[in-house]
Amino acid sequence: MLKKRSFSLCGHRTSVALEDEFWAVLEHCARAENASLAAFVARIDAERGAQPLASALRLAALAAARAGH
């Protein structure tokens, strides 16, 4: 099931809907970096280029899972 979360990125509010499992991995990654989830998402947003934010977040979670984080 998709879970929607809202963030303020570059001064604009945006919402992202991801499955709970992706949010769990992203939250773990943020904690590992001693960052808030919002700060972690902002970093991914800044690095994603033209890729949709939801896709960039899913790929970040996948990379972390593959790396064993």
PDB file of N, CA and C in Angstrom:
ATOM      1  N   MET A   1       0.837  -1.181   0.000  1.00  0.00           N
ATOM      2  CA  MET A   1       0.000   0.000   0.000  1.00  0.00           C
ATOM      3  C   MET A   1       0.886   1.250   0.000  1.00  0.00           C
ATOM      4  N   LEU A   2       0.490   2.239  -0.757  1.00  0.00           N
ATOM      5  CA  LEU A   2       1.256   3.475  -0.828  1.00  0.00           C
ATOM      6  C   LEU A   2       0.981   4.359   0.376  1.00  0.00           C
ATOM      7  N   LYS A   3       2.048   4.989   0.839  1.00  0.00           N
ATOM      8  CA  LYS A   3       1.942   5.935   1.948  1.00  0.00           C
ATOM      9  C   LYS A   3       2.493   7.268   1.440  1.00  0.00           C
ATOM     10  N   LYS A   4       1.696   8.311   1.562  1.00  0.00           N
ATOM     11  CA  LYS A   4       2.091   9.628   1.059  1.00  0.00           C
ATOM     12  C   LYS A   4       2.734  10.430   2.188  1.00  0.00           C
ATOM     13  N   ARG A   5       3.846  11.076   1.868  1.00  0.00           N
ATOM     14  CA  ARG A   5       4.517  11.974   2.804  1.00  0.00           C
ATOM     15  C   ARG A   5       4.781  13.290   2.083  1.00  0.00           C
ATOM     16  N   SER A   6       4.715  14.372   2.851  1.00  0.00           N
ATOM     17  CA  SER A   6       4.930  15.703   2.294  1.00  0.00           C
ATOM     18  C   SER A   6       6.234  16.283   2.813  1.00  0.00           C
ATOM     19  N   PHE A   7       6.918  17.003   1.937  1.00  0.00           N
ATOM     20  CA  PHE A   7       8.198  17.619   2.271  1.00  0.00           C
ATOM     21  C   PHE A   7       8.244  19.016   1.673  1.00  0.00           C
ATOM     22  N   SER A   8       9.082  19.851   2.252  1.00  0.00           N
ATOM     23  CA  SER A   8       9.367  21.166   1.690  1.00  0.00           C
ATOM     24  C   SER A   8      10.751  21.072   1.054  1.00  0.00           C
ATOM     25  N   LEU A   9      10.796  21.168  -0.265  1.00  0.00           N
ATOM     26  CA  LEU A   9      12.045  21.047  -1.007  1.00  0.00           C
ATOM     27  C   LEU A   9      12.277  22.311  -1.812  1.00  0.00           C
ATOM     28  N   CYS A  10      13.371  22.959  -1.574  1.00  0.00           N
ATOM     29  CA  CYS A  10      13.712  24.209  -2.277  1.00  0.00           C
ATOM     30  C   CYS A  10      12.591  25.234  -2.135  1.00  0.00           C
ATOM     31  N   GLY A  11      11.973  25.275  -0.963  1.00  0.00           N
ATOM     32  CA  GLY A  11      10.931  26.251  -0.701  1.00  0.00           C
ATOM     33  C   GLY A  11       9.554  25.899  -1.220  1.00  0.00           C
ATOM     34  N   HIS A  12       9.402  24.727  -1.791  1.00  0.00           N
ATOM     35  CA  HIS A  12       8.104  24.299  -2.317  1.00  0.00           C
ATOM     36  C   HIS A  12       7.666  23.011  -1.625  1.00  0.00           C
ATOM     37  N   ARG A  13       6.381  22.913  -1.322  1.00  0.00           N
ATOM     38  CA  ARG A  13       5.838  21.687  -0.737  1.00  0.00           C
ATOM     39  C   ARG A  13       5.598  20.675  -1.846  1.00  0.00           C
ATOM     40  N   THR A  14       5.948  19.440  -1.575  1.00  0.00           N
ATOM     41  CA  THR A  14       5.690  18.366  -2.515  1.00  0.00           C
ATOM     42  C   THR A  14       5.328  17.113  -1.736  1.00  0.00           C
ATOM     43  N   SER A  15       4.563  16.258  -2.333  1.00  0.00           N
ATOM     44  CA  SER A  15       4.173  14.999  -1.715  1.00  0.00           C
ATOM     45  C   SER A  15       4.706  13.848  -2.548  1.00  0.00           C
ATOM     46  N   VAL A  16       5.112  12.809  -1.861  1.00  0.00           N
ATOM     47  CA  VAL A  16       5.631  11.615  -2.518  1.00  0.00           C
ATOM     48  C   VAL A  16       4.908  10.410  -1.941  1.00  0.00           C
ATOM     49  N   ALA A  17       4.443   9.527  -2.802  1.00  0.00           N
ATOM     50  CA  ALA A  17       3.777   8.305  -2.368  1.00  0.00           C
ATOM     51  C   ALA A  17       4.666   7.113  -2.704  1.00  0.00           C
ATOM     52  N   LEU A  18       5.049   6.380  -1.668  1.00  0.00           N
ATOM     53  CA  LEU A  18       5.858   5.175  -1.819  1.00  0.00           C
ATOM     54  C   LEU A  18       5.279   4.074  -0.936  1.00  0.00           C
ATOM     55  N   GLU A  19       5.646   2.853  -1.230  1.00  0.00           N
ATOM     56  CA  GLU A  19       5.250   1.730  -0.393  1.00  0.00           C
ATOM     57  C   GLU A  19       5.965   1.832   0.960  1.00  0.00           C
ATOM     58  N   ASP A  20       5.317   1.292   2.005  1.00  0.00           N
ATOM     59  CA  ASP A  20       5.870   1.343   3.367  1.00  0.00           C
ATOM     60  C   ASP A  20       7.291   0.785   3.425  1.00  0.00           C
ATOM     61  N   GLU A  21       7.559  -0.265   2.656  1.00  0.00           N
ATOM     62  CA  GLU A  21       8.879  -0.890   2.684  1.00  0.00           C
ATOM     63  C   GLU A  21       9.969   0.071   2.216  1.00  0.00           C
ATOM     64  N   PHE A  22       9.672   0.893   1.204  1.00  0.00           N
ATOM     65  CA  PHE A  22      10.645   1.880   0.744  1.00  0.00           C
ATOM     66  C   PHE A  22      10.864   2.947   1.805  1.00  0.00           C
ATOM     67  N   TRP A  23       9.779   3.427   2.431  1.00  0.00           N
ATOM     68  CA  TRP A  23       9.921   4.422   3.489  1.00  0.00           C
ATOM     69  C   TRP A  23      10.772   3.888   4.632  1.00  0.00           C
ATOM     70  N   ALA A  24      10.599   2.615   4.975  1.00  0.00           N
ATOM     71  CA  ALA A  24      11.378   2.020   6.072  1.00  0.00           C
ATOM     72  C   ALA A  24      12.872   2.035   5.748  1.00  0.00           C
ATOM     73  N   VAL A  25      13.222   1.677   4.518  1.00  0.00           N
ATOM     74  CA  VAL A  25      14.634   1.686   4.123  1.00  0.00           C
ATOM     75  C   VAL A  25      15.168   3.111   4.106  1.00  0.00           C
ATOM     76  N   LEU A  26      14.405   4.046   3.578  1.00  0.00           N
ATOM     77  CA  LEU A  26      14.851   5.445   3.525  1.00  0.00           C
ATOM     78  C   LEU A  26      15.023   6.028   4.927  1.00  0.00           C
ATOM     79  N   GLU A  27      14.121   5.691   5.834  1.00  0.00           N
ATOM     80  CA  GLU A  27      14.257   6.158   7.221  1.00  0.00           C
ATOM     81  C   GLU A  27      15.524   5.585   7.852  1.00  0.00           C
ATOM     82  N   HIS A  28      15.799   4.322   7.574  1.00  0.00           N
ATOM     83  CA  HIS A  28      17.020   3.697   8.092  1.00  0.00           C
ATOM     84  C   HIS A  28      18.258   4.413   7.533  1.00  0.00           C
ATOM     85  N   CYS A  29      18.250   4.718   6.252  1.00  0.00           N
ATOM     86  CA  CYS A  29      19.372   5.429   5.628  1.00  0.00           C
ATOM     87  C   CYS A  29      19.569   6.800   6.257  1.00  0.00           C
ATOM     88  N   ALA A  30      18.480   7.503   6.482  1.00  0.00           N
ATOM     89  CA  ALA A  30      18.571   8.831   7.091  1.00  0.00           C
ATOM     90  C   ALA A  30      19.179   8.730   8.487  1.00  0.00           C
ATOM     91  N   ARG A  31      18.718   7.772   9.294  1.00  0.00           N
ATOM     92  CA  ARG A  31      19.269   7.589  10.639  1.00  0.00           C
ATOM     93  C   ARG A  31      20.752   7.256  10.572  1.00  0.00           C
ATOM     94  N   ALA A  32      21.143   6.432   9.608  1.00  0.00           N
ATOM     95  CA  ALA A  32      22.549   6.058   9.461  1.00  0.00           C
ATOM     96  C   ALA A  32      23.426   7.259   9.139  1.00  0.00           C
ATOM     97  N   GLU A  33      22.840   8.264   8.507  1.00  0.00           N
ATOM     98  CA  GLU A  33      23.564   9.504   8.173  1.00  0.00           C
ATOM     99  C   GLU A  33      23.358  10.583   9.229  1.00  0.00           C
ATOM    100  N   ASN A  34      22.695  10.226  10.336  1.00  0.00           N
ATOM    101  CA  ASN A  34      22.358  11.204  11.381  1.00  0.00           C
ATOM    102  C   ASN A  34      21.612  12.397  10.799  1.00  0.00           C
ATOM    103  N   ALA A  35      20.688  12.112   9.909  1.00  0.00           N
ATOM    104  CA  ALA A  35      19.901  13.150   9.252  1.00  0.00           C
ATOM    105  C   ALA A  35      18.419  12.851   9.445  1.00  0.00           C
ATOM    106  N   SER A  36      17.619  13.880   9.332  1.00  0.00           N
ATOM    107  CA  SER A  36      16.177  13.670   9.335  1.00  0.00           C
ATOM    108  C   SER A  36      15.777  13.077   7.983  1.00  0.00           C
ATOM    109  N   LEU A  37      14.606  12.474   7.947  1.00  0.00           N
ATOM    110  CA  LEU A  37      14.111  11.954   6.669  1.00  0.00           C
ATOM    111  C   LEU A  37      13.975  13.098   5.667  1.00  0.00           C
ATOM    112  N   ALA A  38      13.506  14.252   6.125  1.00  0.00           N
ATOM    113  CA  ALA A  38      13.345  15.405   5.231  1.00  0.00           C
ATOM    114  C   ALA A  38      14.687  15.834   4.642  1.00  0.00           C
ATOM    115  N   ALA A  39      15.730  15.849   5.459  1.00  0.00           N
ATOM    116  CA  ALA A  39      17.058  16.235   4.960  1.00  0.00           C
ATOM    117  C   ALA A  39      17.588  15.196   3.976  1.00  0.00           C
ATOM    118  N   PHE A  40      17.343  13.923   4.260  1.00  0.00           N
ATOM    119  CA  PHE A  40      17.779  12.860   3.362  1.00  0.00           C
ATOM    120  C   PHE A  40      17.064  12.969   2.015  1.00  0.00           C
ATOM    121  N   VAL A  41      15.761  13.187   2.057  1.00  0.00           N
ATOM    122  CA  VAL A  41      14.981  13.342   0.826  1.00  0.00           C
ATOM    123  C   VAL A  41      15.452  14.575   0.055  1.00  0.00           C
ATOM    124  N   ALA A  42      15.757  15.660   0.764  1.00  0.00           N
ATOM    125  CA  ALA A  42      16.247  16.878   0.102  1.00  0.00           C
ATOM    126  C   ALA A  42      17.559  16.606  -0.629  1.00  0.00           C
ATOM    127  N   ARG A  43      18.435  15.802  -0.033  1.00  0.00           N
ATOM    128  CA  ARG A  43      19.700  15.471  -0.685  1.00  0.00           C
ATOM    129  C   ARG A  43      19.449  14.661  -1.957  1.00  0.00           C
ATOM    130  N   ILE A  44      18.571  13.673  -1.875  1.00  0.00           N
ATOM    131  CA  ILE A  44      18.232  12.881  -3.063  1.00  0.00           C
ATOM    132  C   ILE A  44      17.620  13.787  -4.130  1.00  0.00           C
ATOM    133  N   ASP A  45      16.754  14.695  -3.706  1.00  0.00           N
ATOM    134  CA  ASP A  45      16.115  15.623  -4.639  1.00  0.00           C
ATOM    135  C   ASP A  45      17.163  16.472  -5.365  1.00  0.00           C
ATOM    136  N   ALA A  46      18.157  16.947  -4.637  1.00  0.00           N
ATOM    137  CA  ALA A  46      19.185  17.796  -5.231  1.00  0.00           C
ATOM    138  C   ALA A  46      20.056  17.047  -6.230  1.00  0.00           C
ATOM    139  N   GLU A  47      20.152  15.717  -6.074  1.00  0.00           N
ATOM    140  CA  GLU A  47      21.036  14.910  -6.921  1.00  0.00           C
ATOM    141  C   GLU A  47      20.318  14.205  -8.072  1.00  0.00           C
ATOM    142  N   ARG A  48      18.999  14.301  -8.140  1.00  0.00           N
ATOM    143  CA  ARG A  48      18.238  13.429  -9.045  1.00  0.00           C
ATOM    144  C   ARG A  48      18.168  13.890 -10.494  1.00  0.00           C
ATOM    145  N   GLY A  49      18.503  15.123 -10.787  1.00  0.00           N
ATOM    146  CA  GLY A  49      18.408  15.612 -12.155  1.00  0.00           C
ATOM    147  C   GLY A  49      16.957  15.661 -12.609  1.00  0.00           C
ATOM    148  N   ALA A  50      16.679  15.129 -13.806  1.00  0.00           N
ATOM    149  CA  ALA A  50      15.327  15.175 -14.379  1.00  0.00           C
ATOM    150  C   ALA A  50      14.465  13.986 -13.953  1.00  0.00           C
ATOM    151  N   GLN A  51      15.039  13.066 -13.212  1.00  0.00           N
ATOM    152  CA  GLN A  51      14.320  11.863 -12.780  1.00  0.00           C
ATOM    153  C   GLN A  51      13.212  12.235 -11.782  1.00  0.00           C
ATOM    154  N   PRO A  52      12.052  11.624 -11.862  1.00  0.00           N
ATOM    155  CA  PRO A  52      10.998  11.892 -10.871  1.00  0.00           C
ATOM    156  C   PRO A  52      11.485  11.569  -9.457  1.00  0.00           C
ATOM    157  N   LEU A  53      11.046  12.353  -8.486  1.00  0.00           N
ATOM    158  CA  LEU A  53      11.504  12.177  -7.114  1.00  0.00           C
ATOM    159  C   LEU A  53      11.164  10.788  -6.578  1.00  0.00           C
ATOM    160  N   ALA A  54       9.965  10.310  -6.814  1.00  0.00           N
ATOM    161  CA  ALA A  54       9.580   8.984  -6.314  1.00  0.00           C
ATOM    162  C   ALA A  54      10.516   7.908  -6.873  1.00  0.00           C
ATOM    163  N   SER A  55      10.852   7.999  -8.141  1.00  0.00           N
ATOM    164  CA  SER A  55      11.775   7.028  -8.744  1.00  0.00           C
ATOM    165  C   SER A  55      13.155   7.125  -8.119  1.00  0.00           C
ATOM    166  N   ALA A  56      13.637   8.338  -7.926  1.00  0.00           N
ATOM    167  CA  ALA A  56      14.953   8.540  -7.318  1.00  0.00           C
ATOM    168  C   ALA A  56      14.994   7.973  -5.903  1.00  0.00           C
ATOM    169  N   LEU A  57      13.915   8.139  -5.153  1.00  0.00           N
ATOM    170  CA  LEU A  57      13.867   7.606  -3.793  1.00  0.00           C
ATOM    171  C   LEU A  57      13.819   6.083  -3.803  1.00  0.00           C
ATOM    172  N   ARG A  58      13.059   5.510  -4.702  1.00  0.00           N
ATOM    173  CA  ARG A  58      13.019   4.042  -4.795  1.00  0.00           C
ATOM    174  C   ARG A  58      14.392   3.486  -5.160  1.00  0.00           C
ATOM    175  N   LEU A  59      15.074   4.131  -6.099  1.00  0.00           N
ATOM    176  CA  LEU A  59      16.403   3.665  -6.497  1.00  0.00           C
ATOM    177  C   LEU A  59      17.418   3.839  -5.376  1.00  0.00           C
ATOM    178  N   ALA A  60      17.298   4.906  -4.595  1.00  0.00           N
ATOM    179  CA  ALA A  60      18.182   5.091  -3.443  1.00  0.00           C
ATOM    180  C   ALA A  60      17.957   3.996  -2.420  1.00  0.00           C
ATOM    181  N   ALA A  61      16.695   3.646  -2.183  1.00  0.00           N
ATOM    182  CA  ALA A  61      16.379   2.566  -1.248  1.00  0.00           C
ATOM    183  C   ALA A  61      16.910   1.236  -1.770  1.00  0.00           C
ATOM    184  N   LEU A  62      16.759   0.984  -3.052  1.00  0.00           N
ATOM    185  CA  LEU A  62      17.244  -0.251  -3.655  1.00  0.00           C
ATOM    186  C   LEU A  62      18.765  -0.337  -3.534  1.00  0.00           C
ATOM    187  N   ALA A  63      19.453   0.760  -3.817  1.00  0.00           N
ATOM    188  CA  ALA A  63      20.918   0.768  -3.703  1.00  0.00           C
ATOM    189  C   ALA A  63      21.348   0.496  -2.270  1.00  0.00           C
ATOM    190  N   ALA A  64      20.663   1.085  -1.311  1.00  0.00           N
ATOM    191  CA  ALA A  64      20.992   0.857   0.092  1.00  0.00           C
ATOM    192  C   ALA A  64      20.753  -0.595   0.482  1.00  0.00           C
ATOM    193  N   ALA A  65      19.655  -1.168   0.009  1.00  0.00           N
ATOM    194  CA  ALA A  65      19.344  -2.564   0.317  1.00  0.00           C
ATOM    195  C   ALA A  65      20.405  -3.487  -0.303  1.00  0.00           C
ATOM    196  N   ARG A  66      20.804  -3.200  -1.509  1.00  0.00           N
ATOM    197  CA  ARG A  66      21.818  -4.024  -2.173  1.00  0.00           C
ATOM    198  C   ARG A  66      23.156  -3.924  -1.463  1.00  0.00           C
ATOM    199  N   ALA A  67      23.436  -2.739  -0.894  1.00  0.00           N
ATOM    200  CA  ALA A  67      24.700  -2.523  -0.177  1.00  0.00           C
ATOM    201  C   ALA A  67      24.646  -3.077   1.238  1.00  0.00           C
ATOM    202  N   GLY A  68      23.474  -3.549   1.646  1.00  0.00           N
ATOM    203  CA  GLY A  68      23.337  -4.135   2.965  1.00  0.00           C
ATOM    204  C   GLY A  68      23.124  -3.137   4.079  1.00  0.00           C
ATOM    205  N   HIS A  69      22.633  -1.946   3.733  1.00  0.00           N
ATOM    206  CA  HIS A  69      22.388  -0.913   4.756  1.00  0.00           C
ATOM    207  C   HIS A  69      21.003  -1.004   5.246  1.00  0.00           C
TER     208      HIS A  69
END
